[in-house]
Amino acid sequence: MPRRRKLLATSGSLIAGVIAGCASGGSEDETASESEMVGGADTTSAPAESETAAGGSTDGSYTVTVKPYGSHTFEEVPETYFASVWSGFGVSLDMLPTYGGRTDKINGKFYDLVPGLEYDTSEITVLTGGKGGFDKEVFYEHEPDVIFLDPRYLKQQAGWTDQDIQEISTNVGPFLGSQVHQPINEQDPYYDLYGAFEKFAEVFQRQKQYRAWEEYHSQILSDVQSRLPPEDERPTATSLIRGINPASGHFMPVHIEENKSNTRTLAQLGVKDAFEGQNIDGEVGIEAVLQADPDVISTPSLCMDSHEDFVNNVVEPMESNDQTSQLTAVQEGNLVRTAGHYIDPITDLFSLEAGAKQLYPEKFGEWPGPAGEVPEDEQLFDRQRVGELVSGDL
């Protein structure tokens, strides 16, 4: 029997129509990344003081809308949740996910550098089972109050039907995730990092904490951008996703856009898109990369790979290959890495710092490789302040 619902009402557009119109395939690295789910641990820390969200009412209920699905009205703040790519939003608000699909996508290498931020992945309840890692019975068994997972992903990768999605949304918990940072198709809206973070904060009534995060991020970004060289002195660049194998002769570059997680840092640092105006949807051959010949080649691997992994798996193969070794970026040592799909407010700051130092060492200091080895007097943001934002010490 379904338990008493904390969801009071769901707009009719949530599943019918919108979900039925989802695209047949994900954009860029979205499909592959979504299948590598993130998990997190439960937390016992007290929530920040609640606020009334947009659409709130005098009886304490409030409504949150996540496009392109619809609106959900809660009578109380949820206590448990499942998250994948939205996991880091919970970390940034000191409320790690209760449920997830994997634990190895947690950006712990950065979280460990934030004073006072504690997390324990052994407390994660990992939900697995069924095609694509998800079975309806898993959600019935654990009953998360909110599911931050895009229903379109479940249709594409796990074989769910509209009826399956509607059933779990009605009997277990609402789906409030979306394919964050990238569109599934050209028609559907999608959120940039802070747009999605704001929605997450609304669900848990942490708007004050979100606004403090947004203000601090804007301050740091403004400071960094004020120190960038003139536009005509900035490099051309591309980001190669889904791994690099020079021997294959095939690569997957993506256009540099700030809203997309895997090129967000590059866009913020003002590089020029080496493939601007070109159709590079899907794989391209080495000839196309040689013709574009970017000054900088980036991979969205900062979060998951160590500096040693990056050298072994990207730098050395590119340098030793007869064709890729002809690229300007390779010859001049301009192979860099920034954050990728699993980006969050904490990781975003570390990625901005790493990218600035790799692209403009004369302005921001040399990048040492490991994020933990940046000298304190050369750090571009205050780690202690980030810890305060996480804890809610505003």
Protein backbone atom coordinates (compact mmCIF):
# COMPACT_ATOMS: atom_id res chain seq x y z
CA MET A 1 0.00 0.00 0.00
CA PRO A 2 1.30 3.49 -0.82
CA ARG A 3 2.29 5.53 2.22
CA ARG A 4 0.78 8.91 3.07
CA ARG A 5 1.96 11.37 0.47
CA LYS A 6 3.97 14.48 1.26
CA LEU A 7 3.21 15.53 -2.28
CA LEU A 8 -0.06 17.40 -2.27
CA ALA A 9 -0.48 18.07 -5.96
CA THR A 10 1.30 17.54 -9.23
CA SER A 11 0.47 19.52 -12.33
CA GLY A 12 -1.00 17.52 -15.16
CA SER A 13 1.92 18.42 -17.39
CA LEU A 14 4.41 16.55 -15.23
CA ILE A 15 4.42 13.30 -17.16
CA ALA A 16 1.75 13.31 -19.85
CA GLY A 17 2.82 15.15 -22.94
CA VAL A 18 6.26 16.33 -21.86
CA ILE A 19 7.74 12.93 -21.09
CA ALA A 20 6.03 11.40 -24.10
CA GLY A 21 7.85 13.90 -26.29
CA CYS A 22 11.37 13.14 -25.07
CA ALA A 23 14.16 12.73 -27.57
CA SER A 24 15.47 9.33 -28.54
CA GLY A 25 19.05 10.04 -27.49
CA GLY A 26 20.98 12.19 -25.02
CA SER A 27 23.17 15.14 -25.93
CA GLU A 28 26.96 14.88 -26.00
CA ASP A 29 28.15 12.95 -22.94
CA GLU A 30 24.84 13.19 -21.09
CA THR A 31 23.63 9.64 -21.70
CA ALA A 32 26.90 8.02 -20.74
CA SER A 33 27.27 10.19 -17.66
CA GLU A 34 23.74 9.67 -16.42
CA SER A 35 24.30 5.93 -16.46
CA GLU A 36 27.18 6.43 -14.02
CA MET A 37 25.09 7.54 -11.12
CA VAL A 38 26.25 9.45 -8.06
CA GLY A 39 25.28 8.65 -4.50
CA GLY A 40 25.74 10.32 -1.15
CA ALA A 41 25.37 9.78 2.56
CA ASP A 42 22.56 10.80 4.83
CA THR A 43 23.25 13.65 7.22
CA THR A 44 22.06 14.40 10.73
CA SER A 45 22.89 18.09 10.71
CA ALA A 46 19.98 20.43 11.38
CA PRO A 47 18.50 22.13 8.32
CA ALA A 48 18.80 25.84 7.87
CA GLU A 49 15.87 28.03 8.83
CA SER A 50 13.04 27.38 6.40
CA GLU A 51 11.70 30.05 4.12
CA THR A 52 8.56 30.23 2.04
CA ALA A 53 9.41 29.43 -1.56
CA ALA A 54 7.78 31.00 -4.55
CA GLY A 55 4.31 29.60 -4.62
CA GLY A 56 4.26 29.12 -0.83
CA SER A 57 1.08 29.44 1.19
CA THR A 58 0.01 30.39 4.68
CA ASP A 59 -0.52 26.73 5.67
CA GLY A 60 3.16 25.96 5.16
CA SER A 61 2.87 24.20 1.84
CA TYR A 62 5.00 25.35 -1.06
CA THR A 63 5.35 24.63 -4.75
CA VAL A 64 8.47 23.99 -6.81
CA THR A 65 8.50 23.90 -10.60
CA VAL A 66 11.21 22.10 -12.55
CA LYS A 67 10.97 22.51 -16.31
CA PRO A 68 9.98 20.91 -18.55
CA TYR A 69 7.85 18.74 -16.27
CA GLY A 70 5.52 20.74 -14.11
CA SER A 71 4.93 21.79 -10.51
CA HIS A 72 4.94 19.88 -7.23
CA THR A 73 3.40 21.07 -3.99
CA PHE A 74 4.78 19.88 -0.64
CA GLU A 75 3.13 20.19 2.73
CA GLU A 76 6.50 19.77 4.51
CA VAL A 77 10.18 19.75 3.68
CA PRO A 78 11.31 16.34 2.36
CA GLU A 79 13.54 14.25 4.61
CA THR A 80 15.01 11.75 2.15
CA TYR A 81 15.98 11.95 -1.48
CA PHE A 82 17.64 10.16 -4.37
CA ALA A 83 20.10 12.09 -6.55
CA SER A 84 22.49 11.45 -9.39
CA VAL A 85 24.00 14.48 -11.11
CA TRP A 86 22.28 16.71 -8.52
CA SER A 87 24.21 15.01 -5.71
CA GLY A 88 26.70 17.83 -5.31
CA PHE A 89 23.94 20.32 -4.60
CA GLY A 90 23.17 18.35 -1.47
CA VAL A 91 26.85 18.30 -0.50
CA SER A 92 26.99 22.07 -0.95
CA LEU A 93 24.09 22.47 1.49
CA ASP A 94 25.45 19.94 4.01
CA MET A 95 22.76 17.39 3.29
CA LEU A 96 24.22 14.50 1.32
CA PRO A 97 21.79 12.33 -0.65
CA THR A 98 20.07 9.53 1.18
CA TYR A 99 20.08 7.31 -1.91
CA GLY A 100 22.18 7.08 -5.04
CA GLY A 101 23.31 4.69 -7.75
CA ARG A 102 27.08 4.89 -7.30
CA THR A 103 29.54 6.35 -4.83
CA ASP A 104 32.64 6.70 -7.00
CA LYS A 105 31.31 9.84 -8.67
CA ILE A 106 31.36 11.82 -5.41
CA ASN A 107 33.84 14.69 -5.87
CA GLY A 108 35.63 13.81 -2.65
CA LYS A 109 39.03 15.06 -3.79
CA PHE A 110 37.62 18.59 -3.54
CA TYR A 111 35.31 18.08 -0.58
CA ASP A 112 38.32 16.90 1.43
CA LEU A 113 39.90 20.33 0.92
CA VAL A 114 36.95 22.21 2.46
CA PRO A 115 37.34 22.85 6.21
CA GLY A 116 34.57 21.26 8.25
CA LEU A 117 32.97 19.36 5.37
CA GLU A 118 32.48 15.77 6.43
CA TYR A 119 30.87 12.96 4.46
CA ASP A 120 30.82 9.19 4.75
CA THR A 121 30.05 7.26 1.58
CA SER A 122 29.63 4.06 3.61
CA GLU A 123 26.28 5.43 4.77
CA ILE A 124 24.95 5.63 1.22
CA THR A 125 22.07 3.37 0.34
CA VAL A 126 22.85 2.34 -3.22
CA LEU A 127 19.78 1.63 -5.31
CA THR A 128 20.38 -0.89 -8.07
CA GLY A 129 18.38 -3.39 -10.05
CA GLY A 130 16.64 -3.63 -13.38
CA LYS A 131 17.72 -2.37 -16.77
CA GLY A 132 19.87 0.74 -16.56
CA GLY A 133 20.27 0.17 -12.82
CA PHE A 134 16.68 1.01 -11.88
CA ASP A 135 13.65 -1.07 -11.11
CA LYS A 136 10.33 0.23 -9.86
CA GLU A 137 10.42 -2.14 -6.91
CA VAL A 138 13.64 -0.51 -5.68
CA PHE A 139 11.85 2.81 -5.33
CA TYR A 140 8.86 1.15 -3.67
CA GLU A 141 11.20 -0.52 -1.20
CA HIS A 142 13.07 2.61 -0.15
CA GLU A 143 10.45 5.32 -0.78
CA PRO A 144 12.58 8.45 -1.24
CA ASP A 145 10.55 11.59 -0.64
CA VAL A 146 12.01 13.21 -3.77
CA ILE A 147 13.71 11.67 -6.79
CA PHE A 148 16.20 13.98 -8.51
CA LEU A 149 16.37 11.93 -11.69
CA ASP A 150 15.24 12.88 -15.17
CA PRO A 151 12.28 10.70 -16.26
CA ARG A 152 13.57 10.96 -19.83
CA TYR A 153 16.70 9.12 -18.73
CA LEU A 154 14.59 6.29 -17.32
CA LYS A 155 12.78 6.01 -20.64
CA GLN A 156 15.93 6.06 -22.73
CA GLN A 157 18.27 3.94 -20.63
CA ALA A 158 16.10 1.83 -18.33
CA GLY A 159 13.14 1.13 -20.63
CA TRP A 160 10.53 2.74 -18.39
CA THR A 161 7.19 3.72 -19.87
CA ASP A 162 5.17 6.85 -19.20
CA GLN A 163 2.90 4.70 -17.05
CA ASP A 164 5.86 3.48 -14.97
CA ILE A 165 7.01 7.03 -14.33
CA GLN A 166 3.52 8.23 -13.45
CA GLU A 167 3.07 5.27 -11.09
CA ILE A 168 6.24 5.98 -9.08
CA SER A 169 5.62 9.72 -9.13
CA THR A 170 2.17 9.16 -7.64
CA ASN A 171 2.89 6.32 -5.20
CA VAL A 172 6.45 7.01 -4.05
CA GLY A 173 7.83 10.49 -4.70
CA PRO A 174 7.92 13.17 -7.39
CA PHE A 175 10.60 13.29 -10.06
CA LEU A 176 12.21 16.72 -9.75
CA GLY A 177 15.47 16.23 -11.61
CA SER A 178 16.29 17.25 -15.15
CA GLN A 179 19.12 16.67 -17.57
CA VAL A 180 21.01 19.48 -15.92
CA HIS A 181 23.46 21.66 -17.84
CA GLN A 182 22.66 20.25 -21.27
CA PRO A 183 19.51 19.92 -23.39
CA ILE A 184 18.16 16.53 -24.37
CA ASN A 185 16.87 18.13 -27.52
CA GLU A 186 16.66 21.62 -28.94
CA GLN A 187 13.11 22.22 -27.73
CA ASP A 188 13.33 21.39 -24.04
CA PRO A 189 14.61 24.02 -21.60
CA TYR A 190 17.45 23.12 -19.29
CA TYR A 191 19.25 24.70 -16.35
CA ASP A 192 22.75 26.00 -15.90
CA LEU A 193 24.58 25.13 -12.69
CA TYR A 194 23.10 27.79 -10.44
CA GLY A 195 19.68 27.54 -12.05
CA ALA A 196 19.50 23.88 -11.03
CA PHE A 197 21.05 24.62 -7.63
CA GLU A 198 18.32 27.17 -6.96
CA LYS A 199 15.62 24.59 -7.69
CA PHE A 200 17.29 22.09 -5.38
CA ALA A 201 17.46 24.72 -2.61
CA GLU A 202 13.77 25.53 -3.09
CA VAL A 203 12.80 21.90 -2.56
CA PHE A 204 14.56 21.87 0.82
CA GLN A 205 13.72 25.49 1.68
CA ARG A 206 17.37 26.54 1.78
CA GLN A 207 16.96 29.75 -0.22
CA LYS A 208 19.09 31.91 2.11
CA GLN A 209 21.94 29.46 1.87
CA TYR A 210 21.59 29.34 -1.91
CA ARG A 211 21.66 33.14 -2.19
CA ALA A 212 24.83 33.28 -0.07
CA TRP A 213 26.42 30.73 -2.40
CA GLU A 214 25.33 32.67 -5.47
CA GLU A 215 26.70 35.94 -4.09
CA TYR A 216 30.07 34.42 -3.22
CA HIS A 217 30.38 32.69 -6.59
CA SER A 218 29.59 35.93 -8.40
CA GLN A 219 32.23 37.73 -6.34
CA ILE A 220 34.94 35.19 -7.14
CA LEU A 221 34.03 34.95 -10.82
CA SER A 222 34.01 38.74 -11.17
CA ASP A 223 37.45 38.98 -9.58
CA VAL A 224 38.90 36.29 -11.85
CA GLN A 225 37.37 37.73 -15.01
CA SER A 226 38.64 41.22 -14.17
CA ARG A 227 42.18 39.82 -14.32
CA LEU A 228 41.89 38.06 -17.68
CA PRO A 229 44.05 39.30 -20.56
CA PRO A 230 42.40 41.31 -23.37
CA GLU A 231 40.14 39.26 -25.64
CA ASP A 232 42.54 39.36 -28.57
CA GLU A 233 45.21 37.75 -26.38
CA ARG A 234 43.08 34.81 -25.24
CA PRO A 235 43.61 31.34 -26.71
CA THR A 236 41.41 29.24 -28.95
CA ALA A 237 40.32 26.01 -27.29
CA THR A 238 38.21 22.90 -27.54
CA SER A 239 37.04 20.31 -25.06
CA LEU A 240 37.36 16.64 -25.99
CA ILE A 241 34.92 14.39 -24.16
CA ARG A 242 34.39 10.64 -23.63
CA GLY A 243 38.05 9.85 -23.27
CA ILE A 244 40.95 10.38 -25.61
CA ASN A 245 42.45 7.59 -27.69
CA PRO A 246 44.78 9.10 -30.32
CA ALA A 247 45.35 5.71 -31.93
CA SER A 248 41.67 5.54 -32.92
CA GLY A 249 41.90 8.68 -35.04
CA HIS A 250 38.48 9.79 -33.74
CA PHE A 251 37.63 12.50 -31.21
CA MET A 252 34.53 14.08 -29.78
CA PRO A 253 34.89 17.86 -29.40
CA VAL A 254 32.03 19.97 -28.08
CA HIS A 255 31.23 23.64 -28.49
CA ILE A 256 32.25 25.87 -25.61
CA GLU A 257 29.14 27.16 -23.86
CA GLU A 258 28.87 28.41 -20.28
CA ASN A 259 25.57 26.64 -19.59
CA LYS A 260 27.05 23.23 -20.33
CA SER A 261 28.90 21.64 -17.46
CA ASN A 262 31.79 20.20 -19.43
CA THR A 263 32.76 23.56 -20.96
CA ARG A 264 31.49 25.96 -18.28
CA THR A 265 34.93 26.80 -16.90
CA LEU A 266 36.45 27.38 -20.35
CA ALA A 267 33.62 29.75 -21.27
CA GLN A 268 33.96 31.69 -18.02
CA LEU A 269 37.67 32.13 -18.71
CA GLY A 270 36.99 33.72 -22.07
CA VAL A 271 38.62 31.27 -24.48
CA LYS A 272 37.60 31.26 -28.12
CA ASP A 273 35.81 28.19 -29.49
CA ALA A 274 38.16 26.59 -32.01
CA PHE A 275 35.17 24.94 -33.72
CA GLU A 276 32.88 27.98 -33.66
CA GLY A 277 30.32 27.86 -36.46
CA GLN A 278 31.09 24.24 -37.34
CA ASN A 279 28.82 21.22 -37.00
CA ILE A 280 30.70 18.87 -34.70
CA ASP A 281 27.80 16.78 -33.48
CA GLY A 282 29.34 13.39 -32.77
CA GLU A 283 32.82 12.12 -33.56
CA VAL A 284 35.25 13.88 -35.89
CA GLY A 285 38.46 12.61 -37.41
CA ILE A 286 41.96 13.77 -36.55
CA GLU A 287 41.97 15.84 -39.76
CA ALA A 288 39.24 18.11 -38.35
CA VAL A 289 41.16 18.59 -35.11
CA LEU A 290 44.39 19.32 -37.00
CA GLN A 291 42.58 21.86 -39.16
CA ALA A 292 41.07 23.65 -36.16
CA ASP A 293 44.43 23.35 -34.34
CA PRO A 294 43.32 24.88 -31.02
CA ASP A 295 45.83 26.61 -28.78
CA VAL A 296 44.38 24.66 -25.85
CA ILE A 297 42.81 21.22 -25.60
CA SER A 298 40.80 20.49 -22.49
CA THR A 299 39.26 17.35 -21.07
CA PRO A 300 36.46 17.39 -18.44
CA SER A 301 38.43 15.04 -16.20
CA LEU A 302 39.50 17.22 -13.28
CA CYS A 303 37.03 15.65 -10.87
CA MET A 304 37.61 11.97 -11.45
CA ASP A 305 41.20 11.57 -12.58
CA SER A 306 44.36 12.25 -10.62
CA HIS A 307 47.10 14.37 -12.12
CA GLU A 308 49.09 11.19 -12.72
CA ASP A 309 46.13 9.57 -14.50
CA PHE A 310 45.81 12.63 -16.73
CA VAL A 311 49.47 12.51 -17.70
CA ASN A 312 49.41 8.77 -18.33
CA ASN A 313 46.08 8.60 -20.16
CA VAL A 314 45.99 11.90 -22.06
CA VAL A 315 49.26 13.83 -22.17
CA GLU A 316 51.69 11.03 -22.99
CA PRO A 317 49.47 9.33 -25.62
CA MET A 318 48.88 12.68 -27.35
CA GLU A 319 52.59 13.48 -27.33
CA SER A 320 53.68 10.08 -28.63
CA ASN A 321 51.16 9.80 -31.47
CA ASP A 322 52.48 10.86 -34.88
CA GLN A 323 49.37 12.88 -35.75
CA THR A 324 48.25 14.41 -32.45
CA SER A 325 51.83 15.41 -31.67
CA GLN A 326 51.51 17.92 -34.54
CA LEU A 327 48.83 19.88 -32.68
CA THR A 328 49.83 23.26 -31.29
CA ALA A 329 48.24 22.50 -27.92
CA VAL A 330 50.32 19.33 -27.60
CA GLN A 331 53.57 20.91 -28.74
CA GLU A 332 53.21 23.85 -26.37
CA GLY A 333 52.11 21.78 -23.38
CA ASN A 334 48.60 23.22 -23.33
CA LEU A 335 46.64 20.08 -22.51
CA VAL A 336 44.46 21.07 -19.57
CA ARG A 337 41.59 19.68 -17.56
CA THR A 338 38.54 21.16 -15.89
CA ALA A 339 35.42 19.81 -14.19
CA GLY A 340 32.90 17.85 -16.20
CA HIS A 341 29.41 16.45 -15.91
CA TYR A 342 29.35 16.00 -12.13
CA ILE A 343 29.92 19.65 -11.29
CA ASP A 344 28.49 21.42 -8.26
CA PRO A 345 29.07 24.78 -6.52
CA ILE A 346 32.11 23.48 -4.64
CA THR A 347 33.66 21.75 -7.65
CA ASP A 348 32.87 24.77 -9.81
CA LEU A 349 35.17 26.99 -7.74
CA PHE A 350 38.00 24.48 -7.80
CA SER A 351 37.56 24.08 -11.57
CA LEU A 352 37.64 27.85 -12.09
CA GLU A 353 40.86 28.07 -10.09
CA ALA A 354 42.45 25.13 -11.92
CA GLY A 355 41.41 26.45 -15.32
CA ALA A 356 42.64 29.98 -14.64
CA LYS A 357 46.05 28.72 -13.54
CA GLN A 358 46.41 26.33 -16.48
CA LEU A 359 45.31 28.87 -19.09
CA TYR A 360 46.84 32.04 -17.67
CA PRO A 361 49.70 31.11 -15.31
CA GLU A 362 51.25 34.56 -15.73
CA LYS A 363 48.09 36.09 -14.26
CA PHE A 364 47.09 33.52 -11.64
CA GLY A 365 50.20 31.49 -10.85
CA GLU A 366 51.30 28.06 -12.01
CA TRP A 367 48.98 25.07 -11.68
CA PRO A 368 50.69 22.38 -9.56
CA GLY A 369 48.55 19.48 -10.79
CA PRO A 370 46.89 18.25 -7.58
CA ALA A 371 44.34 20.78 -6.31
CA GLY A 372 45.55 20.35 -2.75
CA GLU A 373 49.01 21.65 -3.61
CA VAL A 374 47.98 25.19 -4.56
CA PRO A 375 49.86 27.51 -2.15
CA GLU A 376 47.51 29.33 0.20
CA ASP A 377 48.64 32.76 -0.99
CA GLU A 378 47.87 31.74 -4.60
CA GLN A 379 44.39 30.32 -4.01
CA LEU A 380 41.66 32.15 -5.91
CA PHE A 381 38.93 31.57 -3.34
CA ASP A 382 38.70 31.12 0.43
CA ARG A 383 38.33 27.47 1.42
CA GLN A 384 37.21 28.49 4.90
CA ARG A 385 34.40 30.61 3.47
CA VAL A 386 33.26 27.68 1.33
CA GLY A 387 33.09 25.57 4.49
CA GLU A 388 30.90 28.22 6.09
CA LEU A 389 28.59 28.28 3.10
CA VAL A 390 28.23 24.52 3.30
CA SER A 391 27.44 24.57 7.02
CA GLY A 392 25.02 27.46 6.68
CA ASP A 393 27.18 29.89 8.67
CA LEU A 394 26.12 32.85 6.56
